[in-house]
Amino acid sequence: MVIRQFNQVMNANSIITAPYMIPSKQRFIPVFEHFGLDVIAPEVEERMEEDDILKYAGKFDATICGDDQYSRRVWKNAPPG
């Protein structure tokens, strides 16, 4: 259901920062791309801090994250791309 909705979105970007997915990102990226999502997959060791996430502000529409620092400041400054 959610995947079907993403399939209808043009030029959508997702950012993957969940550390447990990063080692297997090549397995997941083709699936996301199949449904019309471009993937941003920065190198993450444990989590992304607020300033790290803000470097991608406005460049993503969806995220798969761990315990990254998605603060009020991030949400205010990082509207969907």
PDB file of N, CA and C in Angstrom:
ATOM      1  N   MET A   1       0.805  -1.179   0.000  1.00  0.00           N
ATOM      2  CA  MET A   1       0.000   0.000   0.000  1.00  0.00           C
ATOM      3  C   MET A   1       0.861   1.261   0.000  1.00  0.00           C
ATOM      4  N   VAL A   2       1.770   1.376   0.933  1.00  0.00           N
ATOM      5  CA  VAL A   2       2.648   2.538   0.960  1.00  0.00           C
ATOM      6  C   VAL A   2       3.538   2.533  -0.274  1.00  0.00           C
ATOM      7  N   ILE A   3       4.028   1.353  -0.647  1.00  0.00           N
ATOM      8  CA  ILE A   3       4.881   1.251  -1.827  1.00  0.00           C
ATOM      9  C   ILE A   3       4.125   1.713  -3.063  1.00  0.00           C
ATOM     10  N   ARG A   4       2.876   1.384  -3.158  1.00  0.00           N
ATOM     11  CA  ARG A   4       2.076   1.810  -4.297  1.00  0.00           C
ATOM     12  C   ARG A   4       2.002   3.329  -4.343  1.00  0.00           C
ATOM     13  N   GLN A   5       1.858   3.979  -3.201  1.00  0.00           N
ATOM     14  CA  GLN A   5       1.815   5.434  -3.164  1.00  0.00           C
ATOM     15  C   GLN A   5       3.144   6.014  -3.628  1.00  0.00           C
ATOM     16  N   PHE A   6       4.266   5.457  -3.182  1.00  0.00           N
ATOM     17  CA  PHE A   6       5.561   5.954  -3.612  1.00  0.00           C
ATOM     18  C   PHE A   6       5.750   5.765  -5.106  1.00  0.00           C
ATOM     19  N   ASN A   7       5.209   4.692  -5.649  1.00  0.00           N
ATOM     20  CA  ASN A   7       5.347   4.436  -7.066  1.00  0.00           C
ATOM     21  C   ASN A   7       4.710   5.543  -7.888  1.00  0.00           C
ATOM     22  N   GLN A   8       3.763   6.246  -7.334  1.00  0.00           N
ATOM     23  CA  GLN A   8       3.074   7.310  -8.053  1.00  0.00           C
ATOM     24  C   GLN A   8       3.772   8.658  -7.901  1.00  0.00           C
ATOM     25  N   VAL A   9       4.792   8.745  -7.068  1.00  0.00           N
ATOM     26  CA  VAL A   9       5.508   9.993  -6.835  1.00  0.00           C
ATOM     27  C   VAL A   9       6.654  10.102  -7.828  1.00  0.00           C
ATOM     28  N   MET A  10       6.747  11.247  -8.489  1.00  0.00           N
ATOM     29  CA  MET A  10       7.830  11.463  -9.436  1.00  0.00           C
ATOM     30  C   MET A  10       9.008  12.119  -8.721  1.00  0.00           C
ATOM     31  N   ASN A  11      10.215  11.701  -9.046  1.00  0.00           N
ATOM     32  CA  ASN A  11      11.433  12.311  -8.516  1.00  0.00           C
ATOM     33  C   ASN A  11      11.487  12.315  -6.992  1.00  0.00           C
ATOM     34  N   ALA A  12      11.028  11.285  -6.349  1.00  0.00           N
ATOM     35  CA  ALA A  12      11.101  11.207  -4.896  1.00  0.00           C
ATOM     36  C   ALA A  12      12.481  10.686  -4.493  1.00  0.00           C
ATOM     37  N   ASN A  13      12.988  11.215  -3.405  1.00  0.00           N
ATOM     38  CA  ASN A  13      14.287  10.803  -2.875  1.00  0.00           C
ATOM     39  C   ASN A  13      14.117  10.256  -1.470  1.00  0.00           C
ATOM     40  N   SER A  14      14.843   9.213  -1.181  1.00  0.00           N
ATOM     41  CA  SER A  14      14.847   8.670   0.177  1.00  0.00           C
ATOM     42  C   SER A  14      16.286   8.648   0.674  1.00  0.00           C
ATOM     43  N   ILE A  15      16.439   8.815   1.975  1.00  0.00           N
ATOM     44  CA  ILE A  15      17.756   8.738   2.584  1.00  0.00           C
ATOM     45  C   ILE A  15      17.752   7.572   3.563  1.00  0.00           C
ATOM     46  N   ILE A  16      18.750   6.721   3.436  1.00  0.00           N
ATOM     47  CA  ILE A  16      18.881   5.567   4.325  1.00  0.00           C
ATOM     48  C   ILE A  16      20.067   5.827   5.239  1.00  0.00           C
ATOM     49  N   THR A  17      19.784   5.924   6.547  1.00  0.00           N
ATOM     50  CA  THR A  17      20.857   6.148   7.508  1.00  0.00           C
ATOM     51  C   THR A  17      20.860   5.099   8.615  1.00  0.00           C
ATOM     52  N   ALA A  18      19.997   4.127   8.520  1.00  0.00           N
ATOM     53  CA  ALA A  18      19.947   3.063   9.529  1.00  0.00           C
ATOM     54  C   ALA A  18      21.210   2.210   9.405  1.00  0.00           C
ATOM     55  N   PRO A  19      22.044   2.182  10.441  1.00  0.00           N
ATOM     56  CA  PRO A  19      23.327   1.471  10.351  1.00  0.00           C
ATOM     57  C   PRO A  19      23.203  -0.002   9.983  1.00  0.00           C
ATOM     58  N   TYR A  20      22.113  -0.636  10.379  1.00  0.00           N
ATOM     59  CA  TYR A  20      21.950  -2.056  10.068  1.00  0.00           C
ATOM     60  C   TYR A  20      21.594  -2.281   8.602  1.00  0.00           C
ATOM     61  N   MET A  21      21.182  -1.239   7.883  1.00  0.00           N
ATOM     62  CA  MET A  21      20.868  -1.381   6.463  1.00  0.00           C
ATOM     63  C   MET A  21      22.033  -0.983   5.562  1.00  0.00           C
ATOM     64  N   ILE A  22      22.925  -0.136   6.067  1.00  0.00           N
ATOM     65  CA  ILE A  22      24.021   0.371   5.245  1.00  0.00           C
ATOM     66  C   ILE A  22      24.871  -0.752   4.647  1.00  0.00           C
ATOM     67  N   PRO A  23      25.261  -1.778   5.418  1.00  0.00           N
ATOM     68  CA  PRO A  23      26.074  -2.840   4.811  1.00  0.00           C
ATOM     69  C   PRO A  23      25.352  -3.598   3.691  1.00  0.00           C
ATOM     70  N   SER A  24      24.029  -3.570   3.701  1.00  0.00           N
ATOM     71  CA  SER A  24      23.247  -4.296   2.693  1.00  0.00           C
ATOM     72  C   SER A  24      22.552  -3.357   1.720  1.00  0.00           C
ATOM     73  N   LYS A  25      22.994  -2.100   1.649  1.00  0.00           N
ATOM     74  CA  LYS A  25      22.265  -1.116   0.847  1.00  0.00           C
ATOM     75  C   LYS A  25      22.157  -1.516  -0.622  1.00  0.00           C
ATOM     76  N   GLN A  26      23.138  -2.211  -1.164  1.00  0.00           N
ATOM     77  CA  GLN A  26      23.060  -2.616  -2.570  1.00  0.00           C
ATOM     78  C   GLN A  26      21.920  -3.613  -2.801  1.00  0.00           C
ATOM     79  N   ARG A  27      21.493  -4.257  -1.754  1.00  0.00           N
ATOM     80  CA  ARG A  27      20.359  -5.184  -1.842  1.00  0.00           C
ATOM     81  C   ARG A  27      19.031  -4.421  -1.912  1.00  0.00           C
ATOM     82  N   PHE A  28      18.956  -3.284  -1.206  1.00  0.00           N
ATOM     83  CA  PHE A  28      17.715  -2.534  -1.113  1.00  0.00           C
ATOM     84  C   PHE A  28      17.543  -1.455  -2.183  1.00  0.00           C
ATOM     85  N   ILE A  29      18.647  -0.868  -2.629  1.00  0.00           N
ATOM     86  CA  ILE A  29      18.558   0.244  -3.574  1.00  0.00           C
ATOM     87  C   ILE A  29      17.783  -0.127  -4.838  1.00  0.00           C
ATOM     88  N   PRO A  30      18.009  -1.282  -5.472  1.00  0.00           N
ATOM     89  CA  PRO A  30      17.230  -1.609  -6.666  1.00  0.00           C
ATOM     90  C   PRO A  30      15.722  -1.702  -6.405  1.00  0.00           C
ATOM     91  N   VAL A  31      15.340  -2.129  -5.214  1.00  0.00           N
ATOM     92  CA  VAL A  31      13.918  -2.212  -4.878  1.00  0.00           C
ATOM     93  C   VAL A  31      13.320  -0.818  -4.811  1.00  0.00           C
ATOM     94  N   PHE A  32      13.993   0.088  -4.124  1.00  0.00           N
ATOM     95  CA  PHE A  32      13.503   1.465  -4.037  1.00  0.00           C
ATOM     96  C   PHE A  32      13.433   2.099  -5.418  1.00  0.00           C
ATOM     97  N   GLU A  33      14.485   1.913  -6.216  1.00  0.00           N
ATOM     98  CA  GLU A  33      14.504   2.491  -7.557  1.00  0.00           C
ATOM     99  C   GLU A  33      13.393   1.926  -8.424  1.00  0.00           C
ATOM    100  N   HIS A  34      13.072   0.659  -8.252  1.00  0.00           N
ATOM    101  CA  HIS A  34      11.975   0.051  -8.999  1.00  0.00           C
ATOM    102  C   HIS A  34      10.657   0.790  -8.753  1.00  0.00           C
ATOM    103  N   PHE A  35      10.491   1.287  -7.543  1.00  0.00           N
ATOM    104  CA  PHE A  35       9.265   2.006  -7.183  1.00  0.00           C
ATOM    105  C   PHE A  35       9.419   3.518  -7.305  1.00  0.00           C
ATOM    106  N   GLY A  36      10.430   3.973  -8.031  1.00  0.00           N
ATOM    107  CA  GLY A  36      10.558   5.381  -8.335  1.00  0.00           C
ATOM    108  C   GLY A  36      11.240   6.233  -7.285  1.00  0.00           C
ATOM    109  N   LEU A  37      11.973   5.620  -6.371  1.00  0.00           N
ATOM    110  CA  LEU A  37      12.682   6.384  -5.344  1.00  0.00           C
ATOM    111  C   LEU A  37      14.174   6.388  -5.632  1.00  0.00           C
ATOM    112  N   ASP A  38      14.755   7.563  -5.710  1.00  0.00           N
ATOM    113  CA  ASP A  38      16.203   7.668  -5.758  1.00  0.00           C
ATOM    114  C   ASP A  38      16.697   7.562  -4.324  1.00  0.00           C
ATOM    115  N   VAL A  39      17.857   6.967  -4.140  1.00  0.00           N
ATOM    116  CA  VAL A  39      18.354   6.685  -2.795  1.00  0.00           C
ATOM    117  C   VAL A  39      19.623   7.475  -2.503  1.00  0.00           C
ATOM    118  N   ILE A  40      19.623   8.118  -1.347  1.00  0.00           N
ATOM    119  CA  ILE A  40      20.816   8.745  -0.795  1.00  0.00           C
ATOM    120  C   ILE A  40      21.248   7.830   0.351  1.00  0.00           C
ATOM    121  N   ALA A  41      22.476   7.356   0.309  1.00  0.00           N
ATOM    122  CA  ALA A  41      22.946   6.427   1.345  1.00  0.00           C
ATOM    123  C   ALA A  41      24.322   6.861   1.840  1.00  0.00           C
ATOM    124  N   PRO A  42      24.363   7.873   2.716  1.00  0.00           N
ATOM    125  CA  PRO A  42      25.655   8.309   3.248  1.00  0.00           C
ATOM    126  C   PRO A  42      26.260   7.244   4.164  1.00  0.00           C
ATOM    127  N   GLU A  43      27.561   7.313   4.343  1.00  0.00           N
ATOM    128  CA  GLU A  43      28.221   6.400   5.277  1.00  0.00           C
ATOM    129  C   GLU A  43      27.865   6.820   6.698  1.00  0.00           C
ATOM    130  N   VAL A  44      27.363   5.883   7.475  1.00  0.00           N
ATOM    131  CA  VAL A  44      26.958   6.146   8.849  1.00  0.00           C
ATOM    132  C   VAL A  44      27.562   5.063   9.728  1.00  0.00           C
ATOM    133  N   GLU A  45      28.214   5.476  10.806  1.00  0.00           N
ATOM    134  CA  GLU A  45      28.768   4.484  11.724  1.00  0.00           C
ATOM    135  C   GLU A  45      27.746   4.094  12.781  1.00  0.00           C
ATOM    136  N   GLU A  46      27.263   5.051  13.524  1.00  0.00           N
ATOM    137  CA  GLU A  46      26.277   4.748  14.566  1.00  0.00           C
ATOM    138  C   GLU A  46      24.964   5.468  14.296  1.00  0.00           C
ATOM    139  N   ARG A  47      25.047   6.775  14.123  1.00  0.00           N
ATOM    140  CA  ARG A  47      23.861   7.571  13.801  1.00  0.00           C
ATOM    141  C   ARG A  47      24.321   8.896  13.228  1.00  0.00           C
ATOM    142  N   MET A  48      23.375   9.592  12.604  1.00  0.00           N
ATOM    143  CA  MET A  48      23.656  10.927  12.089  1.00  0.00           C
ATOM    144  C   MET A  48      23.224  11.958  13.126  1.00  0.00           C
ATOM    145  N   GLU A  49      24.099  12.903  13.359  1.00  0.00           N
ATOM    146  CA  GLU A  49      23.785  13.993  14.269  1.00  0.00           C
ATOM    147  C   GLU A  49      22.987  15.057  13.514  1.00  0.00           C
ATOM    148  N   GLU A  50      22.419  15.968  14.247  1.00  0.00           N
ATOM    149  CA  GLU A  50      21.586  17.012  13.664  1.00  0.00           C
ATOM    150  C   GLU A  50      22.289  17.732  12.504  1.00  0.00           C
ATOM    151  N   ASP A  51      23.526  18.174  12.696  1.00  0.00           N
ATOM    152  CA  ASP A  51      24.239  18.896  11.642  1.00  0.00           C
ATOM    153  C   ASP A  51      24.499  18.021  10.417  1.00  0.00           C
ATOM    154  N   ASP A  52      24.714  16.723  10.630  1.00  0.00           N
ATOM    155  CA  ASP A  52      24.897  15.805   9.498  1.00  0.00           C
ATOM    156  C   ASP A  52      23.635  15.712   8.662  1.00  0.00           C
ATOM    157  N   ILE A  53      22.502  15.590   9.315  1.00  0.00           N
ATOM    158  CA  ILE A  53      21.223  15.487   8.601  1.00  0.00           C
ATOM    159  C   ILE A  53      20.933  16.785   7.855  1.00  0.00           C
ATOM    160  N   LEU A  54      21.242  17.910   8.475  1.00  0.00           N
ATOM    161  CA  LEU A  54      20.972  19.204   7.848  1.00  0.00           C
ATOM    162  C   LEU A  54      21.754  19.407   6.555  1.00  0.00           C
ATOM    163  N   LYS A  55      22.835  18.681   6.365  1.00  0.00           N
ATOM    164  CA  LYS A  55      23.581  18.753   5.096  1.00  0.00           C
ATOM    165  C   LYS A  55      22.724  18.247   3.934  1.00  0.00           C
ATOM    166  N   TYR A  56      21.717  17.452   4.249  1.00  0.00           N
ATOM    167  CA  TYR A  56      20.828  16.892   3.227  1.00  0.00           C
ATOM    168  C   TYR A  56      19.462  17.587   3.214  1.00  0.00           C
ATOM    169  N   ALA A  57      19.361  18.693   3.912  1.00  0.00           N
ATOM    170  CA  ALA A  57      18.087  19.420   4.026  1.00  0.00           C
ATOM    171  C   ALA A  57      17.504  19.726   2.650  1.00  0.00           C
ATOM    172  N   GLY A  58      16.248  19.374   2.477  1.00  0.00           N
ATOM    173  CA  GLY A  58      15.550  19.626   1.228  1.00  0.00           C
ATOM    174  C   GLY A  58      15.874  18.664   0.101  1.00  0.00           C
ATOM    175  N   LYS A  59      16.689  17.660   0.376  1.00  0.00           N
ATOM    176  CA  LYS A  59      17.104  16.725  -0.667  1.00  0.00           C
ATOM    177  C   LYS A  59      16.423  15.369  -0.565  1.00  0.00           C
ATOM    178  N   PHE A  60      15.572  15.165   0.460  1.00  0.00           N
ATOM    179  CA  PHE A  60      14.907  13.871   0.595  1.00  0.00           C
ATOM    180  C   PHE A  60      13.450  14.045   1.000  1.00  0.00           C
ATOM    181  N   ASP A  61      12.655  13.062   0.581  1.00  0.00           N
ATOM    182  CA  ASP A  61      11.220  13.053   0.856  1.00  0.00           C
ATOM    183  C   ASP A  61      10.848  12.003   1.892  1.00  0.00           C
ATOM    184  N   ALA A  62      11.725  11.024   2.081  1.00  0.00           N
ATOM    185  CA  ALA A  62      11.455   9.921   3.004  1.00  0.00           C
ATOM    186  C   ALA A  62      12.772   9.487   3.621  1.00  0.00           C
ATOM    187  N   THR A  63      12.690   8.852   4.784  1.00  0.00           N
ATOM    188  CA  THR A  63      13.901   8.373   5.440  1.00  0.00           C
ATOM    189  C   THR A  63      13.671   7.010   6.083  1.00  0.00           C
ATOM    190  N   ILE A  64      14.715   6.230   6.080  1.00  0.00           N
ATOM    191  CA  ILE A  64      14.771   5.010   6.889  1.00  0.00           C
ATOM    192  C   ILE A  64      15.959   5.240   7.798  1.00  0.00           C
ATOM    193  N   CYS A  65      15.663   5.423   9.063  1.00  0.00           N
ATOM    194  CA  CYS A  65      16.721   5.839   9.984  1.00  0.00           C
ATOM    195  C   CYS A  65      16.702   4.993  11.251  1.00  0.00           C
ATOM    196  N   GLY A  66      17.764   5.124  11.991  1.00  0.00           N
ATOM    197  CA  GLY A  66      17.869   4.492  13.300  1.00  0.00           C
ATOM    198  C   GLY A  66      17.534   5.532  14.345  1.00  0.00           C
ATOM    199  N   ASP A  67      18.482   5.808  15.223  1.00  0.00           N
ATOM    200  CA  ASP A  67      18.231   6.816  16.261  1.00  0.00           C
ATOM    201  C   ASP A  67      18.929   8.128  15.923  1.00  0.00           C
ATOM    202  N   ASP A  68      18.855   8.499  14.652  1.00  0.00           N
ATOM    203  CA  ASP A  68      19.422   9.758  14.193  1.00  0.00           C
ATOM    204  C   ASP A  68      18.740  10.931  14.901  1.00  0.00           C
ATOM    205  N   GLN A  69      19.432  12.051  14.925  1.00  0.00           N
ATOM    206  CA  GLN A  69      18.964  13.224  15.662  1.00  0.00           C
ATOM    207  C   GLN A  69      18.016  14.093  14.821  1.00  0.00           C
ATOM    208  N   TYR A  70      16.835  13.565  14.539  1.00  0.00           N
ATOM    209  CA  TYR A  70      15.808  14.326  13.819  1.00  0.00           C
ATOM    210  C   TYR A  70      15.122  15.261  14.812  1.00  0.00           C
ATOM    211  N   SER A  71      15.740  16.401  15.020  1.00  0.00           N
ATOM    212  CA  SER A  71      15.260  17.379  15.989  1.00  0.00           C
ATOM    213  C   SER A  71      14.217  18.305  15.356  1.00  0.00           C
ATOM    214  N   ARG A  72      13.666  19.170  16.169  1.00  0.00           N
ATOM    215  CA  ARG A  72      12.732  20.180  15.670  1.00  0.00           C
ATOM    216  C   ARG A  72      13.417  21.045  14.610  1.00  0.00           C
ATOM    217  N   ARG A  73      14.692  21.368  14.832  1.00  0.00           N
ATOM    218  CA  ARG A  73      15.458  22.173  13.867  1.00  0.00           C
ATOM    219  C   ARG A  73      15.575  21.449  12.517  1.00  0.00           C
ATOM    220  N   VAL A  74      15.800  20.149  12.548  1.00  0.00           N
ATOM    221  CA  VAL A  74      15.884  19.384  11.302  1.00  0.00           C
ATOM    222  C   VAL A  74      14.555  19.431  10.565  1.00  0.00           C
ATOM    223  N   TRP A  75      13.454  19.150  11.252  1.00  0.00           N
ATOM    224  CA  TRP A  75      12.148  19.131  10.599  1.00  0.00           C
ATOM    225  C   TRP A  75      11.788  20.501  10.038  1.00  0.00           C
ATOM    226  N   LYS A  76      12.191  21.551  10.723  1.00  0.00           N
ATOM    227  CA  LYS A  76      11.886  22.909  10.262  1.00  0.00           C
ATOM    228  C   LYS A  76      12.677  23.253   9.005  1.00  0.00           C
ATOM    229  N   ASN A  77      13.924  22.802   8.934  1.00  0.00           N
ATOM    230  CA  ASN A  77      14.820  23.178   7.843  1.00  0.00           C
ATOM    231  C   ASN A  77      14.957  22.143   6.742  1.00  0.00           C
ATOM    232  N   ALA A  78      14.316  21.016   6.888  1.00  0.00           N
ATOM    233  CA  ALA A  78      14.465  19.955   5.889  1.00  0.00           C
ATOM    234  C   ALA A  78      13.128  19.514   5.324  1.00  0.00           C
ATOM    235  N   PRO A  79      12.405  20.452   4.679  1.00  0.00           N
ATOM    236  CA  PRO A  79      11.135  20.031   4.068  1.00  0.00           C
ATOM    237  C   PRO A  79      11.429  19.072   2.919  1.00  0.00           C
ATOM    238  N   PRO A  80      10.450  18.280   2.522  1.00  0.00           N
ATOM    239  CA  PRO A  80      10.681  17.334   1.428  1.00  0.00           C
ATOM    240  C   PRO A  80      11.252  18.011   0.192  1.00  0.00           C
ATOM    241  N   GLY A  81      12.144  17.256  -0.478  1.00  0.00           N
ATOM    242  CA  GLY A  81      12.769  17.769  -1.703  1.00  0.00           C
ATOM    243  C   GLY A  81      11.781  17.776  -2.795  1.00  0.00           C
TER     244      GLY A  81
END
